[in-house]
Amino acid sequence: MTMTVDRTAPRDLAREVPARLSLTPKTTLAGQLDGAWWPHSRDLAAELPPLAAALAEPWGRITRVTVNPTHWPVVPRMVAVDGRTLHVGWFTEQDPDKLILLSYAIGRWDLLVIPPETAPAAAARLMAAAAIPGSVLTAGVLMANEAAIGRGIRDTARREAAWEGEGGACMSPFGAPMERSALPLPANGRR
């Protein structure tokens, strides 16, 4: 039996899926970011056409994109978008969590890039935070804050599991179990 594998299918599928975006509303407040983009994969050649198409109406024709290659396995020099060419550049000095979009006529926009594997709840928080007008938080700071929140949730779950496993044992502020007799007495000396 012969089987034909179409290696272009994932790219074609990605082009049919709309870009996941959250943009800062038009305002006079200038911030560090103009919104957030949550791509479906790390394939720039597949992800940039839907992004450029989604931004055509609010921002005009995007002509150039720059990324940091840290999170992108392949950075193509050019990507075809609706019969024209979108030039892609990369700079290691650029924040790895940011995408810069340029238009000849209109200007520049900076978007937070949310990793494709991000959980939907975390992505929603990041998209909302990146779209706040006048925010001074950079892409790197937003991602670091989200990572800290994620660790906090896991840490809380671990502590709750330990509490249940120990039968509600008393813990010192340093995380070590304490004897119940080691609890401080009230100010008047009675229990």
C-alpha atoms as a PDB file:
ATOM      1  CA  MET A   1       0.000   0.000   0.000  1.00  0.00           C
ATOM      2  CA  THR A   2       1.312   3.428  -0.942  1.00  0.00           C
ATOM      3  CA  MET A   3       0.746   6.422   1.287  1.00  0.00           C
ATOM      4  CA  THR A   4       1.258  10.047   0.349  1.00  0.00           C
ATOM      5  CA  VAL A   5       2.310  12.428   3.088  1.00  0.00           C
ATOM      6  CA  ASP A   6       1.674  16.111   2.534  1.00  0.00           C
ATOM      7  CA  ARG A   7       4.314  17.950   4.536  1.00  0.00           C
ATOM      8  CA  THR A   8       2.684  21.312   3.798  1.00  0.00           C
ATOM      9  CA  ALA A   9      -0.540  20.427   5.612  1.00  0.00           C
ATOM     10  CA  PRO A  10       0.431  21.915   8.993  1.00  0.00           C
ATOM     11  CA  ARG A  11       1.380  25.234   7.367  1.00  0.00           C
ATOM     12  CA  ASP A  12      -1.814  25.365   5.338  1.00  0.00           C
ATOM     13  CA  LEU A  13      -3.818  24.546   8.445  1.00  0.00           C
ATOM     14  CA  ALA A  14      -2.040  27.281  10.414  1.00  0.00           C
ATOM     15  CA  ARG A  15      -2.957  29.842   7.738  1.00  0.00           C
ATOM     16  CA  GLU A  16      -6.640  28.983   8.095  1.00  0.00           C
ATOM     17  CA  VAL A  17      -6.588  29.496  11.848  1.00  0.00           C
ATOM     18  CA  PRO A  18      -6.967  33.155  12.857  1.00  0.00           C
ATOM     19  CA  ALA A  19      -4.212  34.900  14.786  1.00  0.00           C
ATOM     20  CA  ARG A  20      -4.718  35.134  18.544  1.00  0.00           C
ATOM     21  CA  LEU A  21      -4.161  38.809  19.349  1.00  0.00           C
ATOM     22  CA  SER A  22      -4.843  41.340  22.046  1.00  0.00           C
ATOM     23  CA  LEU A  23      -4.126  44.927  21.016  1.00  0.00           C
ATOM     24  CA  THR A  24      -3.825  48.073  23.098  1.00  0.00           C
ATOM     25  CA  PRO A  25      -6.768  50.408  22.452  1.00  0.00           C
ATOM     26  CA  LYS A  26      -5.986  53.625  20.591  1.00  0.00           C
ATOM     27  CA  THR A  27      -5.018  56.214  23.172  1.00  0.00           C
ATOM     28  CA  THR A  28      -2.507  58.985  23.764  1.00  0.00           C
ATOM     29  CA  LEU A  29      -0.814  56.912  26.482  1.00  0.00           C
ATOM     30  CA  ALA A  30       2.335  55.339  25.090  1.00  0.00           C
ATOM     31  CA  GLY A  31       3.422  52.090  26.718  1.00  0.00           C
ATOM     32  CA  GLN A  32       6.183  49.556  26.282  1.00  0.00           C
ATOM     33  CA  LEU A  33       3.939  47.172  24.308  1.00  0.00           C
ATOM     34  CA  ASP A  34       1.166  47.527  21.762  1.00  0.00           C
ATOM     35  CA  GLY A  35      -0.425  44.213  22.669  1.00  0.00           C
ATOM     36  CA  ALA A  36       0.247  40.481  22.642  1.00  0.00           C
ATOM     37  CA  TRP A  37       0.341  37.668  20.106  1.00  0.00           C
ATOM     38  CA  TRP A  38      -0.161  33.995  20.994  1.00  0.00           C
ATOM     39  CA  PRO A  39       0.997  31.934  17.987  1.00  0.00           C
ATOM     40  CA  HIS A  40      -0.167  28.348  17.470  1.00  0.00           C
ATOM     41  CA  SER A  41       3.363  27.066  16.771  1.00  0.00           C
ATOM     42  CA  ARG A  42       7.012  28.122  16.553  1.00  0.00           C
ATOM     43  CA  ASP A  43       6.943  28.086  12.744  1.00  0.00           C
ATOM     44  CA  LEU A  44       7.326  31.739  11.719  1.00  0.00           C
ATOM     45  CA  ALA A  45       6.683  30.983   8.042  1.00  0.00           C
ATOM     46  CA  ALA A  46       3.268  29.579   8.977  1.00  0.00           C
ATOM     47  CA  GLU A  47       2.402  32.023  11.762  1.00  0.00           C
ATOM     48  CA  LEU A  48       3.314  35.400  10.228  1.00  0.00           C
ATOM     49  CA  PRO A  49       0.770  35.416   7.331  1.00  0.00           C
ATOM     50  CA  PRO A  50      -2.310  35.182   9.631  1.00  0.00           C
ATOM     51  CA  LEU A  51      -0.746  37.783  11.947  1.00  0.00           C
ATOM     52  CA  ALA A  52      -0.100  40.227   9.076  1.00  0.00           C
ATOM     53  CA  ALA A  53      -3.612  39.633   7.735  1.00  0.00           C
ATOM     54  CA  ALA A  54      -5.187  40.285  11.140  1.00  0.00           C
ATOM     55  CA  LEU A  55      -3.227  43.530  11.537  1.00  0.00           C
ATOM     56  CA  ALA A  56      -3.872  44.847   8.006  1.00  0.00           C
ATOM     57  CA  GLU A  57      -7.069  46.654   8.988  1.00  0.00           C
ATOM     58  CA  PRO A  58      -6.081  48.272  12.286  1.00  0.00           C
ATOM     59  CA  TRP A  59      -2.400  48.987  11.452  1.00  0.00           C
ATOM     60  CA  GLY A  60      -2.017  48.875   7.684  1.00  0.00           C
ATOM     61  CA  ARG A  61       0.355  46.755   5.646  1.00  0.00           C
ATOM     62  CA  ILE A  62       3.175  45.250   7.707  1.00  0.00           C
ATOM     63  CA  THR A  63       6.402  45.214   5.689  1.00  0.00           C
ATOM     64  CA  ARG A  64       9.042  44.019   8.180  1.00  0.00           C
ATOM     65  CA  VAL A  65       9.186  41.881  11.305  1.00  0.00           C
ATOM     66  CA  THR A  66      12.071  41.388  13.720  1.00  0.00           C
ATOM     67  CA  VAL A  67      12.468  38.650  16.317  1.00  0.00           C
ATOM     68  CA  ASN A  68      15.076  37.270  18.661  1.00  0.00           C
ATOM     69  CA  PRO A  69      15.972  33.772  17.368  1.00  0.00           C
ATOM     70  CA  THR A  70      16.058  32.314  20.902  1.00  0.00           C
ATOM     71  CA  HIS A  71      12.494  30.922  20.746  1.00  0.00           C
ATOM     72  CA  TRP A  72      12.249  30.402  16.977  1.00  0.00           C
ATOM     73  CA  PRO A  73      13.982  27.288  15.561  1.00  0.00           C
ATOM     74  CA  VAL A  74      13.983  28.721  12.016  1.00  0.00           C
ATOM     75  CA  VAL A  75      13.855  32.412  11.113  1.00  0.00           C
ATOM     76  CA  PRO A  76      13.106  32.794   7.401  1.00  0.00           C
ATOM     77  CA  ARG A  77      14.438  35.907   5.676  1.00  0.00           C
ATOM     78  CA  MET A  78      11.182  36.432   3.782  1.00  0.00           C
ATOM     79  CA  VAL A  79       7.608  35.178   4.091  1.00  0.00           C
ATOM     80  CA  ALA A  80       4.952  35.406   1.381  1.00  0.00           C
ATOM     81  CA  VAL A  81       1.829  37.235   2.549  1.00  0.00           C
ATOM     82  CA  ASP A  82      -1.052  37.796   0.132  1.00  0.00           C
ATOM     83  CA  GLY A  83       1.155  37.964  -2.955  1.00  0.00           C
ATOM     84  CA  ARG A  84       3.776  40.229  -1.425  1.00  0.00           C
ATOM     85  CA  THR A  85       6.911  39.708   0.637  1.00  0.00           C
ATOM     86  CA  LEU A  86       7.219  40.263   4.378  1.00  0.00           C
ATOM     87  CA  HIS A  87      10.871  40.731   5.346  1.00  0.00           C
ATOM     88  CA  VAL A  88      11.939  39.017   8.568  1.00  0.00           C
ATOM     89  CA  GLY A  89      15.022  39.968  10.540  1.00  0.00           C
ATOM     90  CA  TRP A  90      16.511  38.741  13.768  1.00  0.00           C
ATOM     91  CA  PHE A  91      18.553  40.417  16.464  1.00  0.00           C
ATOM     92  CA  THR A  92      19.974  38.687  19.521  1.00  0.00           C
ATOM     93  CA  GLU A  93      19.878  42.032  21.347  1.00  0.00           C
ATOM     94  CA  GLN A  94      16.076  42.182  21.014  1.00  0.00           C
ATOM     95  CA  ASP A  95      13.954  40.934  23.912  1.00  0.00           C
ATOM     96  CA  PRO A  96      13.288  37.223  23.133  1.00  0.00           C
ATOM     97  CA  ASP A  97       9.662  37.606  24.254  1.00  0.00           C
ATOM     98  CA  LYS A  98       8.932  40.455  21.834  1.00  0.00           C
ATOM     99  CA  LEU A  99       8.084  40.771  18.158  1.00  0.00           C
ATOM    100  CA  ILE A 100       8.611  44.106  16.392  1.00  0.00           C
ATOM    101  CA  LEU A 101       6.399  44.934  13.421  1.00  0.00           C
ATOM    102  CA  LEU A 102       7.234  47.744  11.003  1.00  0.00           C
ATOM    103  CA  SER A 103       5.262  49.551   8.317  1.00  0.00           C
ATOM    104  CA  TYR A 104       6.801  52.046   5.889  1.00  0.00           C
ATOM    105  CA  ALA A 105       3.926  54.474   6.099  1.00  0.00           C
ATOM    106  CA  ILE A 106       2.583  54.107   9.609  1.00  0.00           C
ATOM    107  CA  GLY A 107       5.251  53.127  12.108  1.00  0.00           C
ATOM    108  CA  ARG A 108       6.353  50.473  14.576  1.00  0.00           C
ATOM    109  CA  TRP A 109       4.532  48.176  16.994  1.00  0.00           C
ATOM    110  CA  ASP A 110       5.923  45.921  19.704  1.00  0.00           C
ATOM    111  CA  LEU A 111       4.007  42.783  20.659  1.00  0.00           C
ATOM    112  CA  LEU A 112       4.570  40.384  23.526  1.00  0.00           C
ATOM    113  CA  VAL A 113       4.971  36.876  22.082  1.00  0.00           C
ATOM    114  CA  ILE A 114       3.276  34.291  24.285  1.00  0.00           C
ATOM    115  CA  PRO A 115       4.800  30.826  23.799  1.00  0.00           C
ATOM    116  CA  PRO A 116       2.445  28.460  21.909  1.00  0.00           C
ATOM    117  CA  GLU A 117       2.565  25.879  24.714  1.00  0.00           C
ATOM    118  CA  THR A 118       1.282  28.364  27.325  1.00  0.00           C
ATOM    119  CA  ALA A 119      -1.850  27.304  29.218  1.00  0.00           C
ATOM    120  CA  PRO A 120      -4.983  29.249  28.181  1.00  0.00           C
ATOM    121  CA  ALA A 121      -5.436  30.883  31.609  1.00  0.00           C
ATOM    122  CA  ALA A 122      -1.838  32.127  31.661  1.00  0.00           C
ATOM    123  CA  ALA A 123      -2.115  33.320  28.050  1.00  0.00           C
ATOM    124  CA  ALA A 124      -5.290  35.251  28.913  1.00  0.00           C
ATOM    125  CA  ARG A 125      -3.516  36.988  31.813  1.00  0.00           C
ATOM    126  CA  LEU A 126      -0.546  37.877  29.618  1.00  0.00           C
ATOM    127  CA  MET A 127      -2.733  39.137  26.767  1.00  0.00           C
ATOM    128  CA  ALA A 128      -4.701  41.362  29.134  1.00  0.00           C
ATOM    129  CA  ALA A 129      -1.550  42.731  30.805  1.00  0.00           C
ATOM    130  CA  ALA A 130       0.165  43.493  27.485  1.00  0.00           C
ATOM    131  CA  ALA A 131      -2.847  45.455  26.209  1.00  0.00           C
ATOM    132  CA  ILE A 132      -3.004  47.927  29.115  1.00  0.00           C
ATOM    133  CA  PRO A 133      -2.534  51.440  27.683  1.00  0.00           C
ATOM    134  CA  GLY A 134       0.524  53.255  29.013  1.00  0.00           C
ATOM    135  CA  SER A 135       1.954  50.213  30.813  1.00  0.00           C
ATOM    136  CA  VAL A 136       5.654  50.463  31.620  1.00  0.00           C
ATOM    137  CA  LEU A 137       6.063  46.675  31.889  1.00  0.00           C
ATOM    138  CA  THR A 138       8.283  45.131  29.223  1.00  0.00           C
ATOM    139  CA  ALA A 139       7.749  41.771  27.548  1.00  0.00           C
ATOM    140  CA  GLY A 140      10.487  40.179  29.668  1.00  0.00           C
ATOM    141  CA  VAL A 141       8.974  41.507  32.904  1.00  0.00           C
ATOM    142  CA  LEU A 142       5.498  40.236  32.004  1.00  0.00           C
ATOM    143  CA  MET A 143       6.860  36.771  31.218  1.00  0.00           C
ATOM    144  CA  ALA A 144       8.923  36.711  34.427  1.00  0.00           C
ATOM    145  CA  ASN A 145       5.873  37.750  36.462  1.00  0.00           C
ATOM    146  CA  GLU A 146       3.791  34.995  34.882  1.00  0.00           C
ATOM    147  CA  ALA A 147       6.527  32.461  35.607  1.00  0.00           C
ATOM    148  CA  ALA A 148       6.554  33.593  39.248  1.00  0.00           C
ATOM    149  CA  ILE A 149       2.774  33.265  39.473  1.00  0.00           C
ATOM    150  CA  GLY A 150       2.977  29.776  37.954  1.00  0.00           C
ATOM    151  CA  ARG A 151       5.585  28.708  40.517  1.00  0.00           C
ATOM    152  CA  GLY A 152       3.462  30.206  43.279  1.00  0.00           C
ATOM    153  CA  ILE A 153       0.472  28.112  42.267  1.00  0.00           C
ATOM    154  CA  ARG A 154       2.504  24.917  42.169  1.00  0.00           C
ATOM    155  CA  ASP A 155       4.163  25.805  45.468  1.00  0.00           C
ATOM    156  CA  THR A 156       0.771  26.446  47.114  1.00  0.00           C
ATOM    157  CA  ALA A 157      -0.539  23.085  45.881  1.00  0.00           C
ATOM    158  CA  ARG A 158       2.580  21.362  47.243  1.00  0.00           C
ATOM    159  CA  ARG A 159       2.155  23.022  50.643  1.00  0.00           C
ATOM    160  CA  GLU A 160      -1.531  22.097  50.799  1.00  0.00           C
ATOM    161  CA  ALA A 161      -0.699  18.472  49.942  1.00  0.00           C
ATOM    162  CA  ALA A 162       1.933  18.448  52.691  1.00  0.00           C
ATOM    163  CA  TRP A 163      -0.611  19.867  55.161  1.00  0.00           C
ATOM    164  CA  GLU A 164      -3.110  17.147  54.317  1.00  0.00           C
ATOM    165  CA  GLY A 165      -0.437  14.429  54.378  1.00  0.00           C
ATOM    166  CA  GLU A 166       0.798  15.463  57.799  1.00  0.00           C
ATOM    167  CA  GLY A 167      -2.679  15.607  59.281  1.00  0.00           C
ATOM    168  CA  GLY A 168      -2.629  19.373  59.670  1.00  0.00           C
ATOM    169  CA  ALA A 169       0.696  19.501  61.475  1.00  0.00           C
ATOM    170  CA  CYS A 170       1.960  22.827  62.697  1.00  0.00           C
ATOM    171  CA  MET A 171       4.744  24.280  60.616  1.00  0.00           C
ATOM    172  CA  SER A 172       7.360  26.834  61.505  1.00  0.00           C
ATOM    173  CA  PRO A 173       7.703  29.874  59.245  1.00  0.00           C
ATOM    174  CA  PHE A 174      10.711  28.094  57.736  1.00  0.00           C
ATOM    175  CA  GLY A 175       8.661  25.042  56.639  1.00  0.00           C
ATOM    176  CA  ALA A 176       9.851  22.644  59.364  1.00  0.00           C
ATOM    177  CA  PRO A 177       7.240  20.668  61.370  1.00  0.00           C
ATOM    178  CA  MET A 178       6.745  21.879  64.955  1.00  0.00           C
ATOM    179  CA  GLU A 179       5.450  20.024  67.973  1.00  0.00           C
ATOM    180  CA  ARG A 180       2.048  21.243  69.078  1.00  0.00           C
ATOM    181  CA  SER A 181       3.539  22.086  72.469  1.00  0.00           C
ATOM    182  CA  ALA A 182       5.919  24.488  70.737  1.00  0.00           C
ATOM    183  CA  LEU A 183       3.073  26.823  69.835  1.00  0.00           C
ATOM    184  CA  PRO A 184       3.309  30.212  71.558  1.00  0.00           C
ATOM    185  CA  LEU A 185       0.972  30.741  74.457  1.00  0.00           C
ATOM    186  CA  PRO A 186      -1.441  33.675  74.555  1.00  0.00           C
ATOM    187  CA  ALA A 187      -0.240  36.793  76.367  1.00  0.00           C
ATOM    188  CA  ASN A 188      -2.032  35.906  79.612  1.00  0.00           C
ATOM    189  CA  GLY A 189      -0.335  32.463  79.787  1.00  0.00           C
ATOM    190  CA  ARG A 190      -3.492  30.316  79.360  1.00  0.00           C
ATOM    191  CA  ARG A 191      -4.185  27.951  76.492  1.00  0.00           C
END
